[in-house]
PDB file of N, CA and C in Angstrom:
ATOM      1  N   MET A   1       1.131  -1.333   0.066  1.00  0.00           N
ATOM      2  CA  MET A   1       0.088   0.220  -0.132  1.00  0.00           C
ATOM      3  C   MET A   1       0.791   1.531   0.548  1.00  0.00           C
ATOM      4  N   GLY A   2       2.078   1.813   0.931  1.00  0.00           N
ATOM      5  CA  GLY A   2       3.161   2.163   0.869  1.00  0.00           C
ATOM      6  C   GLY A   2       3.246   2.886  -0.736  1.00  0.00           C
ATOM      7  N   ARG A   3       3.523   1.726  -1.002  1.00  0.00           N
ATOM      8  CA  ARG A   3       3.891   1.750  -2.801  1.00  0.00           C
ATOM      9  C   ARG A   3       3.519   2.463  -3.471  1.00  0.00           C
ATOM     10  N   GLU A   4       1.921   2.063  -3.769  1.00  0.00           N
ATOM     11  CA  GLU A   4       0.720   2.753  -4.525  1.00  0.00           C
ATOM     12  C   GLU A   4       1.058   4.220  -3.641  1.00  0.00           C
ATOM     13  N   ALA A   5       0.970   4.724  -2.865  1.00  0.00           N
ATOM     14  CA  ALA A   5       0.442   5.806  -1.937  1.00  0.00           C
ATOM     15  C   ALA A   5       1.709   6.941  -2.923  1.00  0.00           C
ATOM     16  N   SER A   6       3.309   6.262  -2.542  1.00  0.00           N
ATOM     17  CA  SER A   6       4.059   6.673  -3.477  1.00  0.00           C
ATOM     18  C   SER A   6       4.432   7.092  -4.908  1.00  0.00           C
ATOM     19  N   VAL A   7       3.351   5.864  -5.974  1.00  0.00           N
ATOM     20  CA  VAL A   7       3.279   6.086  -6.954  1.00  0.00           C
ATOM     21  C   VAL A   7       1.962   7.307  -7.281  1.00  0.00           C
ATOM     22  N   GLU A   8       0.897   7.401  -6.619  1.00  0.00           N
ATOM     23  CA  GLU A   8       0.148   8.635  -6.615  1.00  0.00           C
ATOM     24  C   GLU A   8       0.894  10.224  -6.254  1.00  0.00           C
ATOM     25  N   GLU A   9       2.070   9.281  -4.946  1.00  0.00           N
ATOM     26  CA  GLU A   9       2.639  11.614  -5.157  1.00  0.00           C
ATOM     27  C   GLU A   9       3.348  11.909  -5.986  1.00  0.00           C
ATOM     28  N   LYS A  10       4.217  10.530  -6.732  1.00  0.00           N
ATOM     29  CA  LYS A  10       4.718  11.222  -7.547  1.00  0.00           C
ATOM     30  C   LYS A  10       4.308  11.431  -9.385  1.00  0.00           C
ATOM     31  N   SER A  11       3.207  11.182  -9.534  1.00  0.00           N
ATOM     32  CA  SER A  11       2.725  11.646 -10.313  1.00  0.00           C
ATOM     33  C   SER A  11       2.151  13.012 -10.313  1.00  0.00           C
ATOM     34  N   PHE A  12       0.887  12.942  -8.498  1.00  0.00           N
ATOM     35  CA  PHE A  12       0.453  14.480  -8.542  1.00  0.00           C
ATOM     36  C   PHE A  12       1.869  15.226  -8.925  1.00  0.00           C
ATOM     37  N   SER A  13       3.325  14.955  -8.418  1.00  0.00           N
ATOM     38  CA  SER A  13       4.228  15.921  -7.798  1.00  0.00           C
ATOM     39  C   SER A  13       4.079  16.937  -9.060  1.00  0.00           C
ATOM     40  N   GLU A  14       4.246  16.538 -10.564  1.00  0.00           N
ATOM     41  CA  GLU A  14       4.026  16.838 -11.834  1.00  0.00           C
ATOM     42  C   GLU A  14       3.090  18.011 -11.693  1.00  0.00           C
ATOM     43  N   ASN A  15       2.045  18.523 -10.743  1.00  0.00           N
ATOM     44  CA  ASN A  15       1.011  19.450 -11.054  1.00  0.00           C
ATOM     45  C   ASN A  15       1.714  20.454 -10.435  1.00  0.00           C
ATOM     46  N   PHE A  16       2.442  20.317 -10.043  1.00  0.00           N
ATOM     47  CA  PHE A  16       2.868  21.996  -9.263  1.00  0.00           C
ATOM     48  C   PHE A  16       4.004  22.844  -9.831  1.00  0.00           C
ATOM     49  N   GLN A  17       4.204  23.767 -10.316  1.00  0.00           N
ATOM     50  CA  GLN A  17       4.055  24.508 -11.985  1.00  0.00           C
ATOM     51  C   GLN A  17       4.953  25.606 -11.115  1.00  0.00           C
ATOM     52  N   VAL A  18       6.261  26.295 -11.443  1.00  0.00           N
ATOM     53  CA  VAL A  18       6.186  28.394 -10.811  1.00  0.00           C
ATOM     54  C   VAL A  18       6.011  28.229 -12.298  1.00  0.00           C
ATOM     55  N   ILE A  19       5.404  29.185 -12.563  1.00  0.00           N
ATOM     56  CA  ILE A  19       5.605  30.332 -14.198  1.00  0.00           C
ATOM     57  C   ILE A  19       5.965  31.472 -13.247  1.00  0.00           C
ATOM     58  N   ASP A  20       7.449  32.242 -13.980  1.00  0.00           N
ATOM     59  CA  ASP A  20       7.227  33.451 -13.774  1.00  0.00           C
ATOM     60  C   ASP A  20       6.732  33.772 -11.950  1.00  0.00           C
ATOM     61  N   ASN A  21       6.301  34.521 -10.994  1.00  0.00           N
ATOM     62  CA  ASN A  21       6.818  34.821  -9.524  1.00  0.00           C
ATOM     63  C   ASN A  21       5.020  33.380  -9.426  1.00  0.00           C
ATOM     64  N   CYS A  22       4.461  32.777  -9.539  1.00  0.00           N
ATOM     65  CA  CYS A  22       3.384  32.491  -9.298  1.00  0.00           C
ATOM     66  C   CYS A  22       3.674  30.394  -9.096  1.00  0.00           C
ATOM     67  N   LEU A  23       2.974  30.200  -8.348  1.00  0.00           N
ATOM     68  CA  LEU A  23       3.008  28.640  -8.261  1.00  0.00           C
ATOM     69  C   LEU A  23       1.742  27.960  -8.455  1.00  0.00           C
ATOM     70  N   MET A  24       1.746  27.773  -9.475  1.00  0.00           N
ATOM     71  CA  MET A  24       0.149  26.916 -10.159  1.00  0.00           C
ATOM     72  C   MET A  24       0.261  26.008  -9.251  1.00  0.00           C
ATOM     73  N   VAL A  25      -0.898  25.303  -8.645  1.00  0.00           N
ATOM     74  CA  VAL A  25      -0.973  24.176  -7.932  1.00  0.00           C
ATOM     75  C   VAL A  25      -2.630  23.475  -9.480  1.00  0.00           C
ATOM     76  N   ARG A  26      -2.049  22.036  -9.970  1.00  0.00           N
ATOM     77  CA  ARG A  26      -3.409  21.867 -10.568  1.00  0.00           C
ATOM     78  C   ARG A  26      -3.942  20.569  -9.526  1.00  0.00           C
ATOM     79  N   LEU A  27      -4.762  20.800  -9.108  1.00  0.00           N
ATOM     80  CA  LEU A  27      -5.572  19.780  -8.373  1.00  0.00           C
ATOM     81  C   LEU A  27      -5.794  18.609  -8.644  1.00  0.00           C
ATOM     82  N   PRO A  28      -6.006  17.515  -8.128  1.00  0.00           N
ATOM     83  CA  PRO A  28      -6.834  16.052  -8.733  1.00  0.00           C
ATOM     84  C   PRO A  28      -8.430  16.167  -8.746  1.00  0.00           C
ATOM     85  N   GLU A  29      -9.001  14.945  -8.855  1.00  0.00           N
ATOM     86  CA  GLU A  29      -9.864  14.818  -9.422  1.00  0.00           C
ATOM     87  C   GLU A  29     -10.775  15.049  -7.519  1.00  0.00           C
ATOM     88  N   GLU A  30     -10.411  14.445  -6.990  1.00  0.00           N
ATOM     89  CA  GLU A  30     -10.535  14.757  -5.177  1.00  0.00           C
ATOM     90  C   GLU A  30      -9.966  14.955  -4.584  1.00  0.00           C
ATOM     91  N   VAL A  31     -10.205  16.189  -4.475  1.00  0.00           N
ATOM     92  CA  VAL A  31      -9.176  16.591  -2.628  1.00  0.00           C
ATOM     93  C   VAL A  31      -9.997  16.269  -1.747  1.00  0.00           C
ATOM     94  N   ASP A  32      -9.445  15.560  -0.829  1.00  0.00           N
ATOM     95  CA  ASP A  32      -9.996  14.868   0.258  1.00  0.00           C
ATOM     96  C   ASP A  32      -8.495  14.691   1.699  1.00  0.00           C
ATOM     97  N   HIS A  33      -8.908  14.449   2.775  1.00  0.00           N
ATOM     98  CA  HIS A  33      -8.059  14.250   3.749  1.00  0.00           C
ATOM     99  C   HIS A  33      -6.891  13.354   3.639  1.00  0.00           C
ATOM    100  N   HIS A  34      -6.805  12.175   2.159  1.00  0.00           N
ATOM    101  CA  HIS A  34      -6.194  11.794   2.268  1.00  0.00           C
ATOM    102  C   HIS A  34      -5.184  12.418   1.379  1.00  0.00           C
ATOM    103  N   ARG A  35      -5.407  13.147  -0.012  1.00  0.00           N
ATOM    104  CA  ARG A  35      -4.013  14.288  -0.393  1.00  0.00           C
ATOM    105  C   ARG A  35      -3.452  14.741   0.092  1.00  0.00           C
ATOM    106  N   SER A  36      -4.475  15.885   1.550  1.00  0.00           N
ATOM    107  CA  SER A  36      -4.216  16.981   1.252  1.00  0.00           C
ATOM    108  C   SER A  36      -3.087  17.483   2.253  1.00  0.00           C
ATOM    109  N   ALA A  37      -2.409  16.446   3.326  1.00  0.00           N
ATOM    110  CA  ALA A  37      -1.196  16.687   4.009  1.00  0.00           C
ATOM    111  C   ALA A  37      -0.333  16.926   2.602  1.00  0.00           C
ATOM    112  N   TYR A  38      -0.539  15.917   1.492  1.00  0.00           N
ATOM    113  CA  TYR A  38       0.724  16.256   0.605  1.00  0.00           C
ATOM    114  C   TYR A  38       0.666  17.423  -0.073  1.00  0.00           C
ATOM    115  N   ILE A  39      -0.615  17.379  -0.937  1.00  0.00           N
ATOM    116  CA  ILE A  39      -0.561  18.914  -1.607  1.00  0.00           C
ATOM    117  C   ILE A  39      -0.045  20.534  -0.511  1.00  0.00           C
ATOM    118  N   SER A  40      -0.077  20.039   0.653  1.00  0.00           N
ATOM    119  CA  SER A  40      -0.305  21.429   1.874  1.00  0.00           C
ATOM    120  C   SER A  40       1.358  21.565   2.278  1.00  0.00           C
ATOM    121  N   HIS A  41       2.141  20.615   2.556  1.00  0.00           N
ATOM    122  CA  HIS A  41       3.660  19.942   2.421  1.00  0.00           C
ATOM    123  C   HIS A  41       4.417  20.809   0.883  1.00  0.00           C
ATOM    124  N   LYS A  42       3.533  20.003  -0.264  1.00  0.00           N
ATOM    125  CA  LYS A  42       4.243  19.925  -1.409  1.00  0.00           C
ATOM    126  C   LYS A  42       4.020  21.986  -1.994  1.00  0.00           C
ATOM    127  N   ALA A  43       3.043  22.911  -1.543  1.00  0.00           N
ATOM    128  CA  ALA A  43       2.587  24.074  -1.580  1.00  0.00           C
ATOM    129  C   ALA A  43       3.790  24.939  -0.684  1.00  0.00           C
ATOM    130  N   ASP A  44       4.077  24.458   0.621  1.00  0.00           N
ATOM    131  CA  ASP A  44       4.532  25.112   1.577  1.00  0.00           C
ATOM    132  C   ASP A  44       6.105  25.005   1.201  1.00  0.00           C
ATOM    133  N   TRP A  45       6.994  24.202   0.698  1.00  0.00           N
ATOM    134  CA  TRP A  45       8.027  23.993   0.113  1.00  0.00           C
ATOM    135  C   TRP A  45       8.083  24.857  -1.040  1.00  0.00           C
ATOM    136  N   TYR A  46       7.581  25.218  -2.191  1.00  0.00           N
ATOM    137  CA  TYR A  46       7.959  26.027  -3.007  1.00  0.00           C
ATOM    138  C   TYR A  46       6.811  27.167  -2.351  1.00  0.00           C
ATOM    139  N   ILE A  47       6.403  27.627  -2.004  1.00  0.00           N
ATOM    140  CA  ILE A  47       6.447  29.023  -1.273  1.00  0.00           C
ATOM    141  C   ILE A  47       7.524  29.543  -0.466  1.00  0.00           C
ATOM    142  N   LEU A  48       7.958  28.802   0.375  1.00  0.00           N
ATOM    143  CA  LEU A  48       9.521  29.166   0.979  1.00  0.00           C
ATOM    144  C   LEU A  48      10.535  28.641   0.162  1.00  0.00           C
ATOM    145  N   LYS A  49      10.566  27.654  -0.971  1.00  0.00           N
ATOM    146  CA  LYS A  49      12.018  27.298  -1.589  1.00  0.00           C
ATOM    147  C   LYS A  49      12.198  28.234  -2.322  1.00  0.00           C
ATOM    148  N   LYS A  50      11.289  28.803  -3.456  1.00  0.00           N
ATOM    149  CA  LYS A  50      11.036  29.034  -4.857  1.00  0.00           C
ATOM    150  C   LYS A  50      10.305  30.211  -4.756  1.00  0.00           C
ATOM    151  N   ASN A  51      10.427  30.907  -3.104  1.00  0.00           N
ATOM    152  CA  ASN A  51      10.184  32.489  -3.601  1.00  0.00           C
ATOM    153  C   ASN A  51       9.029  33.135  -3.912  1.00  0.00           C
ATOM    154  N   VAL A  52       7.748  32.728  -4.653  1.00  0.00           N
ATOM    155  CA  VAL A  52       6.600  32.336  -5.154  1.00  0.00           C
ATOM    156  C   VAL A  52       6.129  33.094  -4.505  1.00  0.00           C
ATOM    157  N   SER A  53       5.542  35.092  -5.208  1.00  0.00           N
ATOM    158  CA  SER A  53       4.602  36.241  -4.943  1.00  0.00           C
ATOM    159  C   SER A  53       3.383  35.448  -4.979  1.00  0.00           C
ATOM    160  N   HIS A  54       2.456  34.117  -5.528  1.00  0.00           N
ATOM    161  CA  HIS A  54       0.972  34.036  -5.639  1.00  0.00           C
ATOM    162  C   HIS A  54       1.268  32.913  -5.997  1.00  0.00           C
ATOM    163  N   VAL A  55      -0.555  32.084  -4.910  1.00  0.00           N
ATOM    164  CA  VAL A  55      -0.498  30.854  -5.735  1.00  0.00           C
ATOM    165  C   VAL A  55      -1.800  30.792  -6.193  1.00  0.00           C
ATOM    166  N   VAL A  56      -1.836  30.065  -6.952  1.00  0.00           N
ATOM    167  CA  VAL A  56      -3.138  29.588  -8.293  1.00  0.00           C
ATOM    168  C   VAL A  56      -3.256  28.267  -8.344  1.00  0.00           C
ATOM    169  N   PHE A  57      -4.252  27.686  -7.541  1.00  0.00           N
ATOM    170  CA  PHE A  57      -5.045  26.378  -7.992  1.00  0.00           C
ATOM    171  C   PHE A  57      -5.995  26.645  -8.383  1.00  0.00           C
ATOM    172  N   ASP A  58      -5.636  25.793  -9.669  1.00  0.00           N
ATOM    173  CA  ASP A  58      -6.426  25.108 -10.669  1.00  0.00           C
ATOM    174  C   ASP A  58      -7.638  23.741 -10.128  1.00  0.00           C
ATOM    175  N   PHE A  59      -8.476  24.306 -10.265  1.00  0.00           N
ATOM    176  CA  PHE A  59      -9.539  23.079 -10.563  1.00  0.00           C
ATOM    177  C   PHE A  59      -9.817  22.486 -11.734  1.00  0.00           C
ATOM    178  N   GLU A  60      -9.320  22.745 -12.226  1.00  0.00           N
ATOM    179  CA  GLU A  60     -10.346  22.227 -13.726  1.00  0.00           C
ATOM    180  C   GLU A  60     -10.377  20.613 -13.947  1.00  0.00           C
ATOM    181  N   ASP A  61      -9.550  19.220 -12.913  1.00  0.00           N
ATOM    182  CA  ASP A  61     -10.066  18.258 -12.531  1.00  0.00           C
ATOM    183  C   ASP A  61     -10.669  18.034 -11.134  1.00  0.00           C
ATOM    184  N   THR A  62     -11.219  19.062 -10.721  1.00  0.00           N
ATOM    185  CA  THR A  62     -11.448  19.339  -8.934  1.00  0.00           C
ATOM    186  C   THR A  62     -13.584  18.484  -9.028  1.00  0.00           C
ATOM    187  N   ARG A  63     -13.786  17.338  -8.675  1.00  0.00           N
ATOM    188  CA  ARG A  63     -15.561  17.172  -9.538  1.00  0.00           C
ATOM    189  C   ARG A  63     -15.208  16.873  -8.006  1.00  0.00           C
ATOM    190  N   PHE A  64     -14.374  16.521  -6.392  1.00  0.00           N
ATOM    191  CA  PHE A  64     -15.210  16.275  -5.174  1.00  0.00           C
ATOM    192  C   PHE A  64     -13.960  17.133  -4.242  1.00  0.00           C
ATOM    193  N   MET A  65     -14.657  18.239  -3.683  1.00  0.00           N
ATOM    194  CA  MET A  65     -14.202  18.532  -2.699  1.00  0.00           C
ATOM    195  C   MET A  65     -14.496  18.511  -0.757  1.00  0.00           C
ATOM    196  N   ASP A  66     -13.452  18.654   0.014  1.00  0.00           N
ATOM    197  CA  ASP A  66     -14.003  18.724   0.816  1.00  0.00           C
ATOM    198  C   ASP A  66     -13.146  19.113   1.806  1.00  0.00           C
ATOM    199  N   SER A  67     -13.569  19.947   3.137  1.00  0.00           N
ATOM    200  CA  SER A  67     -13.745  20.616   4.444  1.00  0.00           C
ATOM    201  C   SER A  67     -11.387  20.461   4.524  1.00  0.00           C
ATOM    202  N   SER A  68     -10.959  19.922   3.820  1.00  0.00           N
ATOM    203  CA  SER A  68      -9.483  19.648   3.898  1.00  0.00           C
ATOM    204  C   SER A  68      -9.073  20.431   3.181  1.00  0.00           C
ATOM    205  N   GLY A  69      -9.964  20.436   1.483  1.00  0.00           N
ATOM    206  CA  GLY A  69      -9.545  21.346   0.603  1.00  0.00           C
ATOM    207  C   GLY A  69      -9.453  23.015   0.971  1.00  0.00           C
ATOM    208  N   VAL A  70     -10.621  23.506   1.637  1.00  0.00           N
ATOM    209  CA  VAL A  70     -10.849  24.186   2.180  1.00  0.00           C
ATOM    210  C   VAL A  70      -9.320  24.534   3.221  1.00  0.00           C
ATOM    211  N   GLY A  71      -8.609  23.458   4.245  1.00  0.00           N
ATOM    212  CA  GLY A  71      -7.995  23.978   4.605  1.00  0.00           C
ATOM    213  C   GLY A  71      -7.038  24.071   3.978  1.00  0.00           C
ATOM    214  N   ILE A  72      -6.349  23.188   3.081  1.00  0.00           N
ATOM    215  CA  ILE A  72      -5.665  23.611   2.174  1.00  0.00           C
ATOM    216  C   ILE A  72      -5.292  25.431   1.936  1.00  0.00           C
ATOM    217  N   ILE A  73      -6.503  25.772   1.250  1.00  0.00           N
ATOM    218  CA  ILE A  73      -6.187  26.818   0.716  1.00  0.00           C
ATOM    219  C   ILE A  73      -5.976  27.998   1.626  1.00  0.00           C
ATOM    220  N   MET A  74      -6.972  27.524   3.082  1.00  0.00           N
ATOM    221  CA  MET A  74      -6.617  28.768   3.870  1.00  0.00           C
ATOM    222  C   MET A  74      -5.322  29.064   4.523  1.00  0.00           C
ATOM    223  N   GLY A  75      -4.803  27.118   4.591  1.00  0.00           N
ATOM    224  CA  GLY A  75      -3.457  27.635   5.060  1.00  0.00           C
ATOM    225  C   GLY A  75      -2.510  28.132   4.131  1.00  0.00           C
ATOM    226  N   ARG A  76      -1.908  28.173   2.839  1.00  0.00           N
ATOM    227  CA  ARG A  76      -1.409  28.667   2.092  1.00  0.00           C
ATOM    228  C   ARG A  76      -2.049  30.474   1.743  1.00  0.00           C
ATOM    229  N   TYR A  77      -3.345  30.697   1.885  1.00  0.00           N
ATOM    230  CA  TYR A  77      -3.549  32.102   2.003  1.00  0.00           C
ATOM    231  C   TYR A  77      -2.790  32.580   3.003  1.00  0.00           C
ATOM    232  N   LYS A  78      -2.943  32.184   4.383  1.00  0.00           N
ATOM    233  CA  LYS A  78      -2.344  32.464   5.473  1.00  0.00           C
ATOM    234  C   LYS A  78      -0.290  32.543   5.552  1.00  0.00           C
ATOM    235  N   LYS A  79      -0.224  31.726   4.484  1.00  0.00           N
ATOM    236  CA  LYS A  79       1.493  32.166   4.782  1.00  0.00           C
ATOM    237  C   LYS A  79       1.550  32.921   3.098  1.00  0.00           C
ATOM    238  N   ILE A  80       1.360  32.368   2.251  1.00  0.00           N
ATOM    239  CA  ILE A  80       1.794  33.729   1.029  1.00  0.00           C
ATOM    240  C   ILE A  80       0.851  34.902   1.738  1.00  0.00           C
ATOM    241  N   SER A  81       0.290  35.306   2.420  1.00  0.00           N
ATOM    242  CA  SER A  81      -0.312  36.244   2.469  1.00  0.00           C
ATOM    243  C   SER A  81       0.766  37.459   3.440  1.00  0.00           C
ATOM    244  N   CYS A  82       1.360  36.992   4.245  1.00  0.00           N
ATOM    245  CA  CYS A  82       2.428  37.058   5.559  1.00  0.00           C
ATOM    246  C   CYS A  82       3.374  37.412   4.145  1.00  0.00           C
ATOM    247  N   PHE A  83       3.609  37.340   3.062  1.00  0.00           N
ATOM    248  CA  PHE A  83       4.847  38.101   2.345  1.00  0.00           C
ATOM    249  C   PHE A  83       4.688  39.025   1.300  1.00  0.00           C
ATOM    250  N   GLY A  84       3.253  39.501   1.379  1.00  0.00           N
ATOM    251  CA  GLY A  84       2.362  39.900   0.078  1.00  0.00           C
ATOM    252  C   GLY A  84       1.805  39.723  -0.964  1.00  0.00           C
ATOM    253  N   GLY A  85       1.243  38.341  -1.138  1.00  0.00           N
ATOM    254  CA  GLY A  85       1.192  37.786  -1.629  1.00  0.00           C
ATOM    255  C   GLY A  85      -0.362  37.289  -2.194  1.00  0.00           C
ATOM    256  N   LYS A  86      -1.049  37.064  -3.190  1.00  0.00           N
ATOM    257  CA  LYS A  86      -1.874  36.487  -3.735  1.00  0.00           C
ATOM    258  C   LYS A  86      -2.851  35.290  -3.588  1.00  0.00           C
ATOM    259  N   VAL A  87      -3.699  34.520  -3.356  1.00  0.00           N
ATOM    260  CA  VAL A  87      -4.441  33.241  -3.184  1.00  0.00           C
ATOM    261  C   VAL A  87      -4.931  33.594  -4.503  1.00  0.00           C
ATOM    262  N   PHE A  88      -5.337  32.695  -5.932  1.00  0.00           N
ATOM    263  CA  PHE A  88      -6.306  32.744  -6.707  1.00  0.00           C
ATOM    264  C   PHE A  88      -6.837  30.978  -7.277  1.00  0.00           C
ATOM    265  N   ALA A  89      -8.276  30.901  -7.550  1.00  0.00           N
ATOM    266  CA  ALA A  89      -8.733  30.011  -8.120  1.00  0.00           C
ATOM    267  C   ALA A  89      -8.844  30.089  -9.509  1.00  0.00           C
ATOM    268  N   ILE A  90      -8.822  28.949 -10.162  1.00  0.00           N
ATOM    269  CA  ILE A  90      -9.256  29.358 -11.572  1.00  0.00           C
ATOM    270  C   ILE A  90      -9.607  27.964 -12.045  1.00  0.00           C
ATOM    271  N   HIS A  91     -10.666  27.575 -12.676  1.00  0.00           N
ATOM    272  CA  HIS A  91     -11.853  26.871 -13.029  1.00  0.00           C
ATOM    273  C   HIS A  91     -12.265  26.327 -12.818  1.00  0.00           C
ATOM    274  N   ALA A  92     -12.882  26.735 -11.310  1.00  0.00           N
ATOM    275  CA  ALA A  92     -13.852  26.347 -10.500  1.00  0.00           C
ATOM    276  C   ALA A  92     -15.226  25.977 -10.929  1.00  0.00           C
ATOM    277  N   ASP A  93     -15.494  24.373 -10.865  1.00  0.00           N
ATOM    278  CA  ASP A  93     -16.529  24.341 -11.819  1.00  0.00           C
ATOM    279  C   ASP A  93     -18.116  24.783 -10.462  1.00  0.00           C
ATOM    280  N   ARG A  94     -19.019  24.624 -10.608  1.00  0.00           N
ATOM    281  CA  ARG A  94     -20.109  25.345  -9.579  1.00  0.00           C
ATOM    282  C   ARG A  94     -20.229  25.447  -8.331  1.00  0.00           C
ATOM    283  N   GLN A  95     -19.999  23.419  -8.347  1.00  0.00           N
ATOM    284  CA  GLN A  95     -19.870  22.551  -6.957  1.00  0.00           C
ATOM    285  C   GLN A  95     -18.789  23.420  -6.304  1.00  0.00           C
ATOM    286  N   VAL A  96     -17.642  23.736  -6.759  1.00  0.00           N
ATOM    287  CA  VAL A  96     -16.330  23.925  -5.580  1.00  0.00           C
ATOM    288  C   VAL A  96     -16.685  25.353  -5.732  1.00  0.00           C
ATOM    289  N   ARG A  97     -17.172  25.943  -6.252  1.00  0.00           N
ATOM    290  CA  ARG A  97     -17.253  27.551  -6.428  1.00  0.00           C
ATOM    291  C   ARG A  97     -18.490  27.502  -4.911  1.00  0.00           C
ATOM    292  N   ARG A  98     -19.574  26.797  -5.100  1.00  0.00           N
ATOM    293  CA  ARG A  98     -20.044  26.762  -3.587  1.00  0.00           C
ATOM    294  C   ARG A  98     -19.538  26.900  -2.565  1.00  0.00           C
ATOM    295  N   ILE A  99     -18.716  25.633  -2.461  1.00  0.00           N
ATOM    296  CA  ILE A  99     -17.975  25.889  -1.444  1.00  0.00           C
ATOM    297  C   ILE A  99     -16.907  27.114  -0.808  1.00  0.00           C
ATOM    298  N   LEU A 100     -16.343  27.802  -2.103  1.00  0.00           N
ATOM    299  CA  LEU A 100     -15.467  28.694  -1.878  1.00  0.00           C
ATOM    300  C   LEU A 100     -16.297  29.505  -1.160  1.00  0.00           C
ATOM    301  N   CYS A 101     -17.611  29.553  -1.476  1.00  0.00           N
ATOM    302  CA  CYS A 101     -18.550  30.616  -1.216  1.00  0.00           C
ATOM    303  C   CYS A 101     -19.273  29.983   0.514  1.00  0.00           C
ATOM    304  N   ILE A 102     -19.258  29.213   0.389  1.00  0.00           N
ATOM    305  CA  ILE A 102     -19.908  28.628   1.308  1.00  0.00           C
ATOM    306  C   ILE A 102     -18.749  28.732   2.796  1.00  0.00           C
ATOM    307  N   SER A 103     -17.318  28.627   2.496  1.00  0.00           N
ATOM    308  CA  SER A 103     -16.680  28.762   3.732  1.00  0.00           C
ATOM    309  C   SER A 103     -16.100  29.973   3.837  1.00  0.00           C
ATOM    310  N   GLY A 104     -16.252  31.144   3.035  1.00  0.00           N
ATOM    311  CA  GLY A 104     -16.179  32.438   3.204  1.00  0.00           C
ATOM    312  C   GLY A 104     -14.798  32.985   2.310  1.00  0.00           C
ATOM    313  N   LEU A 105     -14.401  31.440   2.244  1.00  0.00           N
ATOM    314  CA  LEU A 105     -12.928  31.302   1.112  1.00  0.00           C
ATOM    315  C   LEU A 105     -13.021  32.858  -0.165  1.00  0.00           C
ATOM    316  N   ASP A 106     -14.227  33.184  -0.304  1.00  0.00           N
ATOM    317  CA  ASP A 106     -14.976  34.090  -1.639  1.00  0.00           C
ATOM    318  C   ASP A 106     -14.123  35.078  -1.656  1.00  0.00           C
ATOM    319  N   LYS A 107     -13.938  35.915   0.064  1.00  0.00           N
ATOM    320  CA  LYS A 107     -13.369  36.969   0.501  1.00  0.00           C
ATOM    321  C   LYS A 107     -12.122  37.026   0.249  1.00  0.00           C
ATOM    322  N   ILE A 108     -11.212  35.899   0.679  1.00  0.00           N
ATOM    323  CA  ILE A 108      -9.659  36.025   1.105  1.00  0.00           C
ATOM    324  C   ILE A 108      -9.186  35.348  -0.906  1.00  0.00           C
ATOM    325  N   VAL A 109      -9.869  34.798  -1.660  1.00  0.00           N
ATOM    326  CA  VAL A 109      -9.394  33.957  -2.386  1.00  0.00           C
ATOM    327  C   VAL A 109      -9.689  34.454  -4.087  1.00  0.00           C
ATOM    328  N   GLU A 110      -9.376  34.865  -4.850  1.00  0.00           N
ATOM    329  CA  GLU A 110      -9.817  35.990  -6.387  1.00  0.00           C
ATOM    330  C   GLU A 110     -10.128  34.638  -7.179  1.00  0.00           C
ATOM    331  N   VAL A 111     -11.371  34.642  -7.110  1.00  0.00           N
ATOM    332  CA  VAL A 111     -11.522  33.065  -7.903  1.00  0.00           C
ATOM    333  C   VAL A 111     -11.949  34.363  -9.091  1.00  0.00           C
ATOM    334  N   MET A 112     -11.681  33.717  -9.861  1.00  0.00           N
ATOM    335  CA  MET A 112     -11.376  33.782 -11.634  1.00  0.00           C
ATOM    336  C   MET A 112     -12.336  33.567 -12.394  1.00  0.00           C
ATOM    337  N   ASP A 113     -12.843  34.277 -13.068  1.00  0.00           N
ATOM    338  CA  ASP A 113     -14.048  33.348 -14.198  1.00  0.00           C
ATOM    339  C   ASP A 113     -13.438  32.852 -15.699  1.00  0.00           C
ATOM    340  N   ASP A 114     -14.153  32.082 -15.721  1.00  0.00           N
ATOM    341  CA  ASP A 114     -13.691  30.992 -17.406  1.00  0.00           C
ATOM    342  C   ASP A 114     -13.783  32.228 -18.080  1.00  0.00           C
TER     343      ASP A 114
END
């Protein structure tokens, strides 16, 4: 089972890219507690080691997000805002937008229209 997790993490690590001064995080189809610790840890590493100014979460492939997804975004917002950065959400479908609104994240995260 540990081997399966590392294979998943390896394939998901390709979903982190630094473009100019932005960290782009392409989120998986399901953002749940199983993936949240890895996503948070990896995003934090990029924020601190690559000196990014902003974080962009790409929800194009995401069909499900629970409260741990809200935690991922909130935690990265707290970290990047200390450096004067912003967090953006792109390609969020109706359901993800609803979660962003209900949780209040739409007040601190710029949700971009397609």
